Amino acid sequence: MSKTRIIIDADTGIDDALAILYALRAPNVIVEGITTVFGNIDVEKAADNSLRLIELAKPGYEIPVAVGASKALVREHSGYATHVHGENGIGNVEIAPSSQRPISETASEFIVRMANENPGEIVLVTLAHLTNLSMALDLDPGIRNTLKKVVVMGGTIFNPGNRTPVAEANIAGDPEAADHVFTSGLPVLMVGLDVTLKTRITQEHIDLLNRFGREENKAIISFMEQSLTHYFNFYREANFLINSAPLHDPLALMVALQPDLVSYKEMNVRVEHKGEFTSGMVVADLRAQPKVGKPIQVAVDVDVERAVGTFLSVFM
């Protein structure tokens, strides 16, 4: 079986951590690198969390980690999502540090180099603000032709937002960067709240992993259970969910490897970045003859049972 080669761009919080651990355990993927960006926590802490997760999972090969943007392209920083992910980004759970250090290249430099050295081979999975990818496009617009695919966890078309009434957090944190990416001509697949909110992990799933998880995954499962306790508490208060939370970032990662987990529709989109109440909104031109925006693929439905089963399976 050929393996999908991916770079993960993350602001390594709780659901980013679940996505990274999934990728490090999935048999059909090679993680070529992790790049970090501000968002859930600061960019340096995101890099440290990523290195700790690699140490926890022990994938058996070296994975470079590159530090990226510490702020949005043009707008003031509005704070980190520590109320969602905890002060350390991973539910205030302590895991062992790594002796590995980030590489000297910036995230955008690393993305450009890997895309150009491996044309048509690298799938970039973005789990955070799109600042690093926007900066990579500024460095070399040609990556629109050398990246195989870009899977973006972010945005919403038909559901309300989770940062504002109309904007999802990853897009709202740097809407100028998101608009740049979505109109760049990159082969983008947007996996947003329309599908991620349906795809939830529950305490029952964790109980299942505790019973049937493979011995070599016990430490990973213990970490997931502890960090998800924090996440479940947030979603109980924010969305009235009981002992469950959406698999936002893991779903995007899984879709990068198994695109048929979701169904898609091509839409012309732009990202609003000037409105007082609509900044960060992904605006889709759904008219028969769209005239606004550029076409991207948007996930509109998901096989929930199969997606959750796919996530659990790599740890069992």
C-alpha atoms as a PDB file:
ATOM      1  CA  MET A   1       0.000   0.000   0.000  1.00  0.00           C
ATOM      2  CA  SER A   2       1.411   3.393  -0.960  1.00  0.00           C
ATOM      3  CA  LYS A   3       1.560   5.863   1.889  1.00  0.00           C
ATOM      4  CA  THR A   4       0.274   9.429   1.767  1.00  0.00           C
ATOM      5  CA  ARG A   5       2.996  11.961   2.530  1.00  0.00           C
ATOM      6  CA  ILE A   6       1.691  14.816   4.651  1.00  0.00           C
ATOM      7  CA  ILE A   7       2.777  17.967   6.429  1.00  0.00           C
ATOM      8  CA  ILE A   8       0.613  18.965   9.400  1.00  0.00           C
ATOM      9  CA  ASP A   9       0.243  22.691  10.123  1.00  0.00           C
ATOM     10  CA  ALA A  10      -1.101  23.092  13.662  1.00  0.00           C
ATOM     11  CA  ASP A  11      -1.574  25.336  16.690  1.00  0.00           C
ATOM     12  CA  THR A  12      -1.212  22.228  18.772  1.00  0.00           C
ATOM     13  CA  GLY A  13      -4.196  22.178  21.098  1.00  0.00           C
ATOM     14  CA  ILE A  14      -6.290  19.216  22.192  1.00  0.00           C
ATOM     15  CA  ASP A  15      -7.923  18.259  18.892  1.00  0.00           C
ATOM     16  CA  ASP A  16      -4.687  19.015  17.011  1.00  0.00           C
ATOM     17  CA  ALA A  17      -2.989  16.573  19.372  1.00  0.00           C
ATOM     18  CA  LEU A  18      -5.583  13.899  18.594  1.00  0.00           C
ATOM     19  CA  ALA A  19      -5.036  14.465  14.870  1.00  0.00           C
ATOM     20  CA  ILE A  20      -1.253  14.273  15.202  1.00  0.00           C
ATOM     21  CA  LEU A  21      -1.453  11.085  17.275  1.00  0.00           C
ATOM     22  CA  TYR A  22      -3.816   9.578  14.715  1.00  0.00           C
ATOM     23  CA  ALA A  23      -1.340  10.375  11.932  1.00  0.00           C
ATOM     24  CA  LEU A  24       1.553   8.894  13.910  1.00  0.00           C
ATOM     25  CA  ARG A  25      -0.369   5.652  14.357  1.00  0.00           C
ATOM     26  CA  ALA A  26      -2.111   5.323  10.973  1.00  0.00           C
ATOM     27  CA  PRO A  27      -0.446   2.731   8.724  1.00  0.00           C
ATOM     28  CA  ASN A  28      -1.097   4.578   5.462  1.00  0.00           C
ATOM     29  CA  VAL A  29       0.731   7.845   6.122  1.00  0.00           C
ATOM     30  CA  ILE A  30       4.201   9.325   6.452  1.00  0.00           C
ATOM     31  CA  VAL A  31       4.346  12.568   8.420  1.00  0.00           C
ATOM     32  CA  GLU A  32       7.034  14.554   6.614  1.00  0.00           C
ATOM     33  CA  GLY A  33       6.907  17.397   9.104  1.00  0.00           C
ATOM     34  CA  ILE A  34       4.845  19.446  11.521  1.00  0.00           C
ATOM     35  CA  THR A  35       4.702  23.226  11.221  1.00  0.00           C
ATOM     36  CA  THR A  36       3.274  25.392  13.961  1.00  0.00           C
ATOM     37  CA  VAL A  37       1.383  28.668  14.099  1.00  0.00           C
ATOM     38  CA  PHE A  38      -0.207  30.864  16.761  1.00  0.00           C
ATOM     39  CA  GLY A  39      -3.824  30.149  17.674  1.00  0.00           C
ATOM     40  CA  ASN A  40      -4.908  27.895  20.506  1.00  0.00           C
ATOM     41  CA  ILE A  41      -1.613  28.796  22.196  1.00  0.00           C
ATOM     42  CA  ASP A  42       1.524  30.683  21.204  1.00  0.00           C
ATOM     43  CA  VAL A  43       3.591  29.314  18.344  1.00  0.00           C
ATOM     44  CA  GLU A  44       6.571  28.232  20.480  1.00  0.00           C
ATOM     45  CA  LYS A  45       4.345  26.307  22.872  1.00  0.00           C
ATOM     46  CA  ALA A  46       2.637  24.683  19.876  1.00  0.00           C
ATOM     47  CA  ALA A  47       6.049  23.508  18.659  1.00  0.00           C
ATOM     48  CA  ASP A  48       6.931  22.162  22.105  1.00  0.00           C
ATOM     49  CA  ASN A  49       3.619  20.289  22.306  1.00  0.00           C
ATOM     50  CA  SER A  50       4.216  18.811  18.852  1.00  0.00           C
ATOM     51  CA  LEU A  51       7.658  17.573  19.861  1.00  0.00           C
ATOM     52  CA  ARG A  52       6.245  16.075  23.069  1.00  0.00           C
ATOM     53  CA  LEU A  53       3.552  14.239  21.088  1.00  0.00           C
ATOM     54  CA  ILE A  54       6.168  12.795  18.744  1.00  0.00           C
ATOM     55  CA  GLU A  55       8.094  11.613  21.801  1.00  0.00           C
ATOM     56  CA  LEU A  56       4.912  10.095  23.257  1.00  0.00           C
ATOM     57  CA  ALA A  57       3.997   8.229  20.066  1.00  0.00           C
ATOM     58  CA  LYS A  58       7.543   7.157  19.111  1.00  0.00           C
ATOM     59  CA  PRO A  59       6.759   6.713  15.399  1.00  0.00           C
ATOM     60  CA  GLY A  60      10.145   5.164  14.615  1.00  0.00           C
ATOM     61  CA  TYR A  61      11.335   7.899  12.266  1.00  0.00           C
ATOM     62  CA  GLU A  62      12.369  11.508  12.707  1.00  0.00           C
ATOM     63  CA  ILE A  63       9.756  14.179  12.079  1.00  0.00           C
ATOM     64  CA  PRO A  64      11.026  17.749  11.730  1.00  0.00           C
ATOM     65  CA  VAL A  65       9.085  20.502  13.494  1.00  0.00           C
ATOM     66  CA  ALA A  66       9.247  24.044  12.096  1.00  0.00           C
ATOM     67  CA  VAL A  67       8.081  27.143  13.960  1.00  0.00           C
ATOM     68  CA  GLY A  68       5.908  29.536  11.987  1.00  0.00           C
ATOM     69  CA  ALA A  69       3.925  32.729  12.372  1.00  0.00           C
ATOM     70  CA  SER A  70       3.429  34.223  15.822  1.00  0.00           C
ATOM     71  CA  LYS A  71       0.708  36.636  14.695  1.00  0.00           C
ATOM     72  CA  ALA A  72      -1.761  37.296  11.890  1.00  0.00           C
ATOM     73  CA  LEU A  73      -0.736  38.948   8.634  1.00  0.00           C
ATOM     74  CA  VAL A  74      -2.201  42.381   9.364  1.00  0.00           C
ATOM     75  CA  ARG A  75      -4.458  42.404  12.412  1.00  0.00           C
ATOM     76  CA  GLU A  76      -3.853  42.664  16.116  1.00  0.00           C
ATOM     77  CA  HIS A  77      -3.679  39.496  18.169  1.00  0.00           C
ATOM     78  CA  SER A  78      -6.975  38.837  19.954  1.00  0.00           C
ATOM     79  CA  GLY A  79      -5.743  36.286  22.502  1.00  0.00           C
ATOM     80  CA  TYR A  80      -5.237  32.533  22.721  1.00  0.00           C
ATOM     81  CA  ALA A  81      -7.913  29.867  23.181  1.00  0.00           C
ATOM     82  CA  THR A  82      -6.697  28.714  26.579  1.00  0.00           C
ATOM     83  CA  HIS A  83     -10.292  28.663  27.843  1.00  0.00           C
ATOM     84  CA  VAL A  84     -10.856  25.830  25.359  1.00  0.00           C
ATOM     85  CA  HIS A  85      -7.531  23.998  25.428  1.00  0.00           C
ATOM     86  CA  GLY A  86      -5.990  24.852  28.799  1.00  0.00           C
ATOM     87  CA  GLU A  87      -2.949  26.952  29.639  1.00  0.00           C
ATOM     88  CA  ASN A  88      -0.544  24.500  27.992  1.00  0.00           C
ATOM     89  CA  GLY A  89      -2.846  23.806  25.034  1.00  0.00           C
ATOM     90  CA  ILE A  90      -3.366  20.127  25.772  1.00  0.00           C
ATOM     91  CA  GLY A  91      -5.845  20.265  28.629  1.00  0.00           C
ATOM     92  CA  ASN A  92      -3.147  21.052  31.231  1.00  0.00           C
ATOM     93  CA  VAL A  93      -1.956  17.450  30.931  1.00  0.00           C
ATOM     94  CA  GLU A  94       1.792  17.038  31.403  1.00  0.00           C
ATOM     95  CA  ILE A  95       3.644  14.717  29.038  1.00  0.00           C
ATOM     96  CA  ALA A  96       7.379  14.142  28.845  1.00  0.00           C
ATOM     97  CA  PRO A  97       9.501  16.685  26.977  1.00  0.00           C
ATOM     98  CA  SER A  98      11.531  15.785  23.910  1.00  0.00           C
ATOM     99  CA  SER A  99      15.261  16.191  23.380  1.00  0.00           C
ATOM    100  CA  GLN A 100      14.504  17.078  19.745  1.00  0.00           C
ATOM    101  CA  ARG A 101      14.448  20.768  18.840  1.00  0.00           C
ATOM    102  CA  PRO A 102      12.688  22.667  16.049  1.00  0.00           C
ATOM    103  CA  ILE A 103      14.587  23.044  12.787  1.00  0.00           C
ATOM    104  CA  SER A 104      16.078  26.390  11.742  1.00  0.00           C
ATOM    105  CA  GLU A 105      13.766  26.841   8.746  1.00  0.00           C
ATOM    106  CA  THR A 106      10.552  28.741   9.300  1.00  0.00           C
ATOM    107  CA  ALA A 107       7.284  26.948   8.674  1.00  0.00           C
ATOM    108  CA  SER A 108       6.681  28.758   5.387  1.00  0.00           C
ATOM    109  CA  GLU A 109      10.218  28.031   4.173  1.00  0.00           C
ATOM    110  CA  PHE A 110       9.813  24.358   5.071  1.00  0.00           C
ATOM    111  CA  ILE A 111       6.481  24.100   3.227  1.00  0.00           C
ATOM    112  CA  VAL A 112       7.950  25.709   0.099  1.00  0.00           C
ATOM    113  CA  ARG A 113      11.057  23.517   0.119  1.00  0.00           C
ATOM    114  CA  MET A 114       9.158  20.283   0.657  1.00  0.00           C
ATOM    115  CA  ALA A 115       6.591  21.117  -2.035  1.00  0.00           C
ATOM    116  CA  ASN A 116       9.272  21.947  -4.586  1.00  0.00           C
ATOM    117  CA  GLU A 117      11.525  19.007  -3.754  1.00  0.00           C
ATOM    118  CA  ASN A 118       8.561  16.600  -3.971  1.00  0.00           C
ATOM    119  CA  PRO A 119       6.229  17.979  -6.661  1.00  0.00           C
ATOM    120  CA  GLY A 120       2.791  16.389  -6.628  1.00  0.00           C
ATOM    121  CA  GLU A 121       3.624  14.297  -3.558  1.00  0.00           C
ATOM    122  CA  ILE A 122       2.898  16.366  -0.453  1.00  0.00           C
ATOM    123  CA  VAL A 123      -0.553  16.831   1.079  1.00  0.00           C
ATOM    124  CA  LEU A 124      -0.655  19.790   3.453  1.00  0.00           C
ATOM    125  CA  VAL A 125      -3.184  19.444   6.272  1.00  0.00           C
ATOM    126  CA  THR A 126      -3.880  22.755   8.001  1.00  0.00           C
ATOM    127  CA  LEU A 127      -5.478  22.578  11.444  1.00  0.00           C
ATOM    128  CA  ALA A 128      -5.147  26.234  12.416  1.00  0.00           C
ATOM    129  CA  HIS A 129      -4.973  29.767  11.042  1.00  0.00           C
ATOM    130  CA  LEU A 130      -3.760  29.847   7.442  1.00  0.00           C
ATOM    131  CA  THR A 131      -0.984  32.362   8.099  1.00  0.00           C
ATOM    132  CA  ASN A 132       1.909  29.976   7.395  1.00  0.00           C
ATOM    133  CA  LEU A 133       0.451  28.858   4.073  1.00  0.00           C
ATOM    134  CA  SER A 134      -0.300  32.430   3.023  1.00  0.00           C
ATOM    135  CA  MET A 135       3.310  33.365   3.780  1.00  0.00           C
ATOM    136  CA  ALA A 136       4.514  30.320   1.838  1.00  0.00           C
ATOM    137  CA  LEU A 137       2.499  31.506  -1.171  1.00  0.00           C
ATOM    138  CA  ASP A 138       4.199  34.888  -0.876  1.00  0.00           C
ATOM    139  CA  LEU A 139       7.589  33.164  -0.866  1.00  0.00           C
ATOM    140  CA  ASP A 140       6.731  31.019  -3.898  1.00  0.00           C
ATOM    141  CA  PRO A 141       3.351  31.268  -5.637  1.00  0.00           C
ATOM    142  CA  GLY A 142       4.365  28.194  -7.636  1.00  0.00           C
ATOM    143  CA  ILE A 143       3.501  25.885  -4.745  1.00  0.00           C
ATOM    144  CA  ARG A 144      -0.073  26.064  -6.024  1.00  0.00           C
ATOM    145  CA  ASN A 145       1.197  23.653  -8.680  1.00  0.00           C
ATOM    146  CA  THR A 146       3.596  21.548  -6.596  1.00  0.00           C
ATOM    147  CA  LEU A 147       1.491  20.756  -3.522  1.00  0.00           C
ATOM    148  CA  LYS A 148      -0.657  17.719  -4.241  1.00  0.00           C
ATOM    149  CA  LYS A 149      -3.573  18.920  -2.103  1.00  0.00           C
ATOM    150  CA  VAL A 150      -4.377  21.215   0.805  1.00  0.00           C
ATOM    151  CA  VAL A 151      -6.935  19.993   3.344  1.00  0.00           C
ATOM    152  CA  VAL A 152      -8.131  22.883   5.503  1.00  0.00           C
ATOM    153  CA  MET A 153      -9.882  22.360   8.819  1.00  0.00           C
ATOM    154  CA  GLY A 154     -11.820  25.570   9.005  1.00  0.00           C
ATOM    155  CA  GLY A 155     -14.792  27.576   7.905  1.00  0.00           C
ATOM    156  CA  THR A 156     -18.487  26.938   7.774  1.00  0.00           C
ATOM    157  CA  ILE A 157     -21.082  27.434   5.056  1.00  0.00           C
ATOM    158  CA  PHE A 158     -24.404  26.233   6.448  1.00  0.00           C
ATOM    159  CA  ASN A 159     -23.725  26.119  10.211  1.00  0.00           C
ATOM    160  CA  PRO A 160     -23.222  29.024  12.616  1.00  0.00           C
ATOM    161  CA  GLY A 161     -19.660  29.922  13.481  1.00  0.00           C
ATOM    162  CA  ASN A 162     -17.862  29.070  16.704  1.00  0.00           C
ATOM    163  CA  ARG A 163     -15.853  32.300  17.006  1.00  0.00           C
ATOM    164  CA  THR A 164     -18.627  34.659  15.889  1.00  0.00           C
ATOM    165  CA  PRO A 165     -22.187  34.066  14.679  1.00  0.00           C
ATOM    166  CA  VAL A 166     -20.836  33.445  11.165  1.00  0.00           C
ATOM    167  CA  ALA A 167     -17.107  32.707  11.479  1.00  0.00           C
ATOM    168  CA  GLU A 168     -15.185  29.580  12.454  1.00  0.00           C
ATOM    169  CA  ALA A 169     -12.132  30.131  14.677  1.00  0.00           C
ATOM    170  CA  ASN A 170      -9.328  29.043  12.333  1.00  0.00           C
ATOM    171  CA  ILE A 171     -10.546  31.377   9.596  1.00  0.00           C
ATOM    172  CA  ALA A 172     -11.554  34.222  11.925  1.00  0.00           C
ATOM    173  CA  GLY A 173      -8.083  34.389  13.492  1.00  0.00           C
ATOM    174  CA  ASP A 174      -6.499  35.494  10.203  1.00  0.00           C
ATOM    175  CA  PRO A 175      -9.173  36.086   7.556  1.00  0.00           C
ATOM    176  CA  GLU A 176      -6.764  37.888   5.217  1.00  0.00           C
ATOM    177  CA  ALA A 177      -4.569  34.781   5.127  1.00  0.00           C
ATOM    178  CA  ALA A 178      -7.575  32.522   4.553  1.00  0.00           C
ATOM    179  CA  ASP A 179      -8.845  34.659   1.687  1.00  0.00           C
ATOM    180  CA  HIS A 180      -5.383  34.588   0.115  1.00  0.00           C
ATOM    181  CA  VAL A 181      -5.247  30.787   0.316  1.00  0.00           C
ATOM    182  CA  PHE A 182      -8.795  30.200  -0.923  1.00  0.00           C
ATOM    183  CA  THR A 183      -8.322  32.457  -3.964  1.00  0.00           C
ATOM    184  CA  SER A 184      -4.768  31.341  -4.778  1.00  0.00           C
ATOM    185  CA  GLY A 185      -5.591  28.466  -7.102  1.00  0.00           C
ATOM    186  CA  LEU A 186      -4.329  25.860  -4.632  1.00  0.00           C
ATOM    187  CA  PRO A 187      -6.243  22.532  -4.728  1.00  0.00           C
ATOM    188  CA  VAL A 188      -8.117  23.200  -1.479  1.00  0.00           C
ATOM    189  CA  LEU A 189     -10.566  20.911   0.285  1.00  0.00           C
ATOM    190  CA  MET A 190     -12.316  22.691   3.157  1.00  0.00           C
ATOM    191  CA  VAL A 191     -13.404  20.459   6.035  1.00  0.00           C
ATOM    192  CA  GLY A 192     -15.423  22.810   8.212  1.00  0.00           C
ATOM    193  CA  LEU A 193     -18.032  22.900  10.931  1.00  0.00           C
ATOM    194  CA  ASP A 194     -20.670  21.573   8.525  1.00  0.00           C
ATOM    195  CA  VAL A 195     -19.092  18.134   8.981  1.00  0.00           C
ATOM    196  CA  THR A 196     -16.833  18.323  12.034  1.00  0.00           C
ATOM    197  CA  LEU A 197     -19.636  19.215  14.446  1.00  0.00           C
ATOM    198  CA  LYS A 198     -21.390  15.972  13.486  1.00  0.00           C
ATOM    199  CA  THR A 199     -18.301  13.852  14.157  1.00  0.00           C
ATOM    200  CA  ARG A 200     -17.924  13.472  17.917  1.00  0.00           C
ATOM    201  CA  ILE A 201     -15.823  11.461  20.296  1.00  0.00           C
ATOM    202  CA  THR A 202     -17.518  10.432  23.545  1.00  0.00           C
ATOM    203  CA  GLN A 203     -16.578   9.022  26.921  1.00  0.00           C
ATOM    204  CA  GLU A 204     -17.968   5.697  25.701  1.00  0.00           C
ATOM    205  CA  HIS A 205     -15.363   5.714  22.924  1.00  0.00           C
ATOM    206  CA  ILE A 206     -12.603   6.347  25.461  1.00  0.00           C
ATOM    207  CA  ASP A 207     -13.922   3.497  27.606  1.00  0.00           C
ATOM    208  CA  LEU A 208     -13.725   1.290  24.520  1.00  0.00           C
ATOM    209  CA  LEU A 209     -10.094   2.291  23.946  1.00  0.00           C
ATOM    210  CA  ASN A 210      -9.263   1.567  27.585  1.00  0.00           C
ATOM    211  CA  ARG A 211     -10.712  -1.933  27.200  1.00  0.00           C
ATOM    212  CA  PHE A 212      -9.432  -2.862  23.756  1.00  0.00           C
ATOM    213  CA  GLY A 213      -6.548  -0.501  22.991  1.00  0.00           C
ATOM    214  CA  ARG A 214      -3.259  -2.128  22.056  1.00  0.00           C
ATOM    215  CA  GLU A 215      -0.674  -2.300  24.824  1.00  0.00           C
ATOM    216  CA  GLU A 216       1.752  -0.023  22.958  1.00  0.00           C
ATOM    217  CA  ASN A 217      -0.962   2.645  22.813  1.00  0.00           C
ATOM    218  CA  LYS A 218      -1.821   2.698  26.528  1.00  0.00           C
ATOM    219  CA  ALA A 219       0.175   5.879  27.221  1.00  0.00           C
ATOM    220  CA  ILE A 220      -1.429   7.613  24.235  1.00  0.00           C
ATOM    221  CA  ILE A 221      -4.912   6.539  25.336  1.00  0.00           C
ATOM    222  CA  SER A 222      -4.240   7.768  28.871  1.00  0.00           C
ATOM    223  CA  PHE A 223      -3.169  11.158  27.508  1.00  0.00           C
ATOM    224  CA  MET A 224      -6.241  11.353  25.283  1.00  0.00           C
ATOM    225  CA  GLU A 225      -8.554  10.531  28.177  1.00  0.00           C
ATOM    226  CA  GLN A 226      -7.018  13.195  30.425  1.00  0.00           C
ATOM    227  CA  SER A 227      -6.952  15.940  27.795  1.00  0.00           C
ATOM    228  CA  LEU A 228     -10.469  15.135  26.609  1.00  0.00           C
ATOM    229  CA  THR A 229     -11.791  15.587  30.141  1.00  0.00           C
ATOM    230  CA  HIS A 230     -10.867  19.268  29.792  1.00  0.00           C
ATOM    231  CA  TYR A 231     -12.327  19.405  26.275  1.00  0.00           C
ATOM    232  CA  PHE A 232     -15.579  17.725  27.329  1.00  0.00           C
ATOM    233  CA  ASN A 233     -15.980  20.274  30.117  1.00  0.00           C
ATOM    234  CA  PHE A 234     -15.641  23.143  27.648  1.00  0.00           C
ATOM    235  CA  TYR A 235     -18.177  21.660  25.237  1.00  0.00           C
ATOM    236  CA  ARG A 236     -20.605  20.993  28.075  1.00  0.00           C
ATOM    237  CA  GLU A 237     -20.579  24.712  28.867  1.00  0.00           C
ATOM    238  CA  ALA A 238     -20.379  26.024  25.293  1.00  0.00           C
ATOM    239  CA  ASN A 239     -22.571  23.589  23.334  1.00  0.00           C
ATOM    240  CA  PHE A 240     -24.455  21.632  26.012  1.00  0.00           C
ATOM    241  CA  LEU A 241     -22.724  18.411  24.933  1.00  0.00           C
ATOM    242  CA  ILE A 242     -22.525  15.714  27.597  1.00  0.00           C
ATOM    243  CA  ASN A 243     -19.177  13.875  27.756  1.00  0.00           C
ATOM    244  CA  SER A 244     -18.506  14.407  24.066  1.00  0.00           C
ATOM    245  CA  ALA A 245     -16.710  16.804  21.740  1.00  0.00           C
ATOM    246  CA  PRO A 246     -16.303  17.275  17.985  1.00  0.00           C
ATOM    247  CA  LEU A 247     -13.327  15.694  16.243  1.00  0.00           C
ATOM    248  CA  HIS A 248     -12.567  18.885  14.294  1.00  0.00           C
ATOM    249  CA  ASP A 249      -8.897  18.383  13.449  1.00  0.00           C
ATOM    250  CA  PRO A 250      -8.845  14.569  13.389  1.00  0.00           C
ATOM    251  CA  LEU A 251     -11.603  14.539  10.773  1.00  0.00           C
ATOM    252  CA  ALA A 252      -9.606  16.818   8.471  1.00  0.00           C
ATOM    253  CA  LEU A 253      -6.549  14.609   8.931  1.00  0.00           C
ATOM    254  CA  MET A 254      -8.532  11.464   8.189  1.00  0.00           C
ATOM    255  CA  VAL A 255     -10.086  13.048   5.096  1.00  0.00           C
ATOM    256  CA  ALA A 256      -6.595  13.797   3.792  1.00  0.00           C
ATOM    257  CA  LEU A 257      -5.958  10.044   3.869  1.00  0.00           C
ATOM    258  CA  GLN A 258      -9.483   8.788   3.068  1.00  0.00           C
ATOM    259  CA  PRO A 259     -11.323  11.457   1.046  1.00  0.00           C
ATOM    260  CA  ASP A 260     -14.456   9.314   0.735  1.00  0.00           C
ATOM    261  CA  LEU A 261     -15.264   9.790   4.435  1.00  0.00           C
ATOM    262  CA  VAL A 262     -17.012  12.993   3.363  1.00  0.00           C
ATOM    263  CA  SER A 263     -19.011  14.170   0.366  1.00  0.00           C
ATOM    264  CA  TYR A 264     -18.128  17.395  -1.375  1.00  0.00           C
ATOM    265  CA  LYS A 265     -19.474  20.211  -3.423  1.00  0.00           C
ATOM    266  CA  GLU A 266     -17.424  22.636  -5.481  1.00  0.00           C
ATOM    267  CA  MET A 267     -18.138  26.213  -4.415  1.00  0.00           C
ATOM    268  CA  ASN A 268     -16.757  29.605  -5.310  1.00  0.00           C
ATOM    269  CA  VAL A 269     -15.731  31.255  -2.044  1.00  0.00           C
ATOM    270  CA  ARG A 270     -14.185  34.371  -0.571  1.00  0.00           C
ATOM    271  CA  VAL A 271     -13.410  35.178   3.039  1.00  0.00           C
ATOM    272  CA  GLU A 272     -14.874  38.400   4.400  1.00  0.00           C
ATOM    273  CA  HIS A 273     -12.251  40.448   6.236  1.00  0.00           C
ATOM    274  CA  LYS A 274     -13.730  43.928   6.461  1.00  0.00           C
ATOM    275  CA  GLY A 275     -17.162  43.514   8.031  1.00  0.00           C
ATOM    276  CA  GLU A 276     -17.827  44.541  11.618  1.00  0.00           C
ATOM    277  CA  PHE A 277     -19.993  41.484  12.272  1.00  0.00           C
ATOM    278  CA  THR A 278     -18.999  39.214   9.366  1.00  0.00           C
ATOM    279  CA  SER A 279     -15.188  39.233   9.443  1.00  0.00           C
ATOM    280  CA  GLY A 280     -13.937  35.668   9.008  1.00  0.00           C
ATOM    281  CA  MET A 281     -17.096  34.455   7.288  1.00  0.00           C
ATOM    282  CA  VAL A 282     -16.544  32.089   4.362  1.00  0.00           C
ATOM    283  CA  VAL A 283     -18.874  33.506   1.713  1.00  0.00           C
ATOM    284  CA  ALA A 284     -19.968  30.933  -0.870  1.00  0.00           C
ATOM    285  CA  ASP A 285     -21.505  32.103  -4.137  1.00  0.00           C
ATOM    286  CA  LEU A 286     -24.188  29.445  -4.539  1.00  0.00           C
ATOM    287  CA  ARG A 287     -25.845  31.018  -7.568  1.00  0.00           C
ATOM    288  CA  ALA A 288     -26.206  28.965 -10.754  1.00  0.00           C
ATOM    289  CA  GLN A 289     -23.548  31.147 -12.346  1.00  0.00           C
ATOM    290  CA  PRO A 290     -21.236  32.220  -9.503  1.00  0.00           C
ATOM    291  CA  LYS A 291     -19.308  35.425 -10.020  1.00  0.00           C
ATOM    292  CA  VAL A 292     -17.651  35.887  -6.636  1.00  0.00           C
ATOM    293  CA  GLY A 293     -14.591  33.989  -5.457  1.00  0.00           C
ATOM    294  CA  LYS A 294     -12.579  31.037  -6.692  1.00  0.00           C
ATOM    295  CA  PRO A 295     -13.623  27.374  -6.718  1.00  0.00           C
ATOM    296  CA  ILE A 296     -12.616  25.048  -3.901  1.00  0.00           C
ATOM    297  CA  GLN A 297     -14.009  21.722  -2.720  1.00  0.00           C
ATOM    298  CA  VAL A 298     -16.179  21.986   0.402  1.00  0.00           C
ATOM    299  CA  ALA A 299     -17.155  19.013   2.574  1.00  0.00           C
ATOM    300  CA  VAL A 300     -20.928  19.059   3.034  1.00  0.00           C
ATOM    301  CA  ASP A 301     -21.658  15.682   4.658  1.00  0.00           C
ATOM    302  CA  VAL A 302     -19.793  12.952   6.513  1.00  0.00           C
ATOM    303  CA  ASP A 303     -20.165   9.252   7.241  1.00  0.00           C
ATOM    304  CA  VAL A 304     -20.052   9.786  11.003  1.00  0.00           C
ATOM    305  CA  GLU A 305     -19.970   6.154  12.119  1.00  0.00           C
ATOM    306  CA  ARG A 306     -17.194   5.277   9.697  1.00  0.00           C
ATOM    307  CA  ALA A 307     -15.182   8.390  10.541  1.00  0.00           C
ATOM    308  CA  VAL A 308     -15.275   7.782  14.288  1.00  0.00           C
ATOM    309  CA  GLY A 309     -14.514   4.104  13.751  1.00  0.00           C
ATOM    310  CA  THR A 310     -11.561   5.015  11.559  1.00  0.00           C
ATOM    311  CA  PHE A 311     -10.163   7.255  14.284  1.00  0.00           C
ATOM    312  CA  LEU A 312     -10.509   4.648  17.025  1.00  0.00           C
ATOM    313  CA  SER A 313      -9.172   1.796  14.905  1.00  0.00           C
ATOM    314  CA  VAL A 314      -5.541   2.949  14.808  1.00  0.00           C
ATOM    315  CA  PHE A 315      -5.276   2.667  18.592  1.00  0.00           C
ATOM    316  CA  MET A 316      -6.939  -0.769  18.878  1.00  0.00           C
END
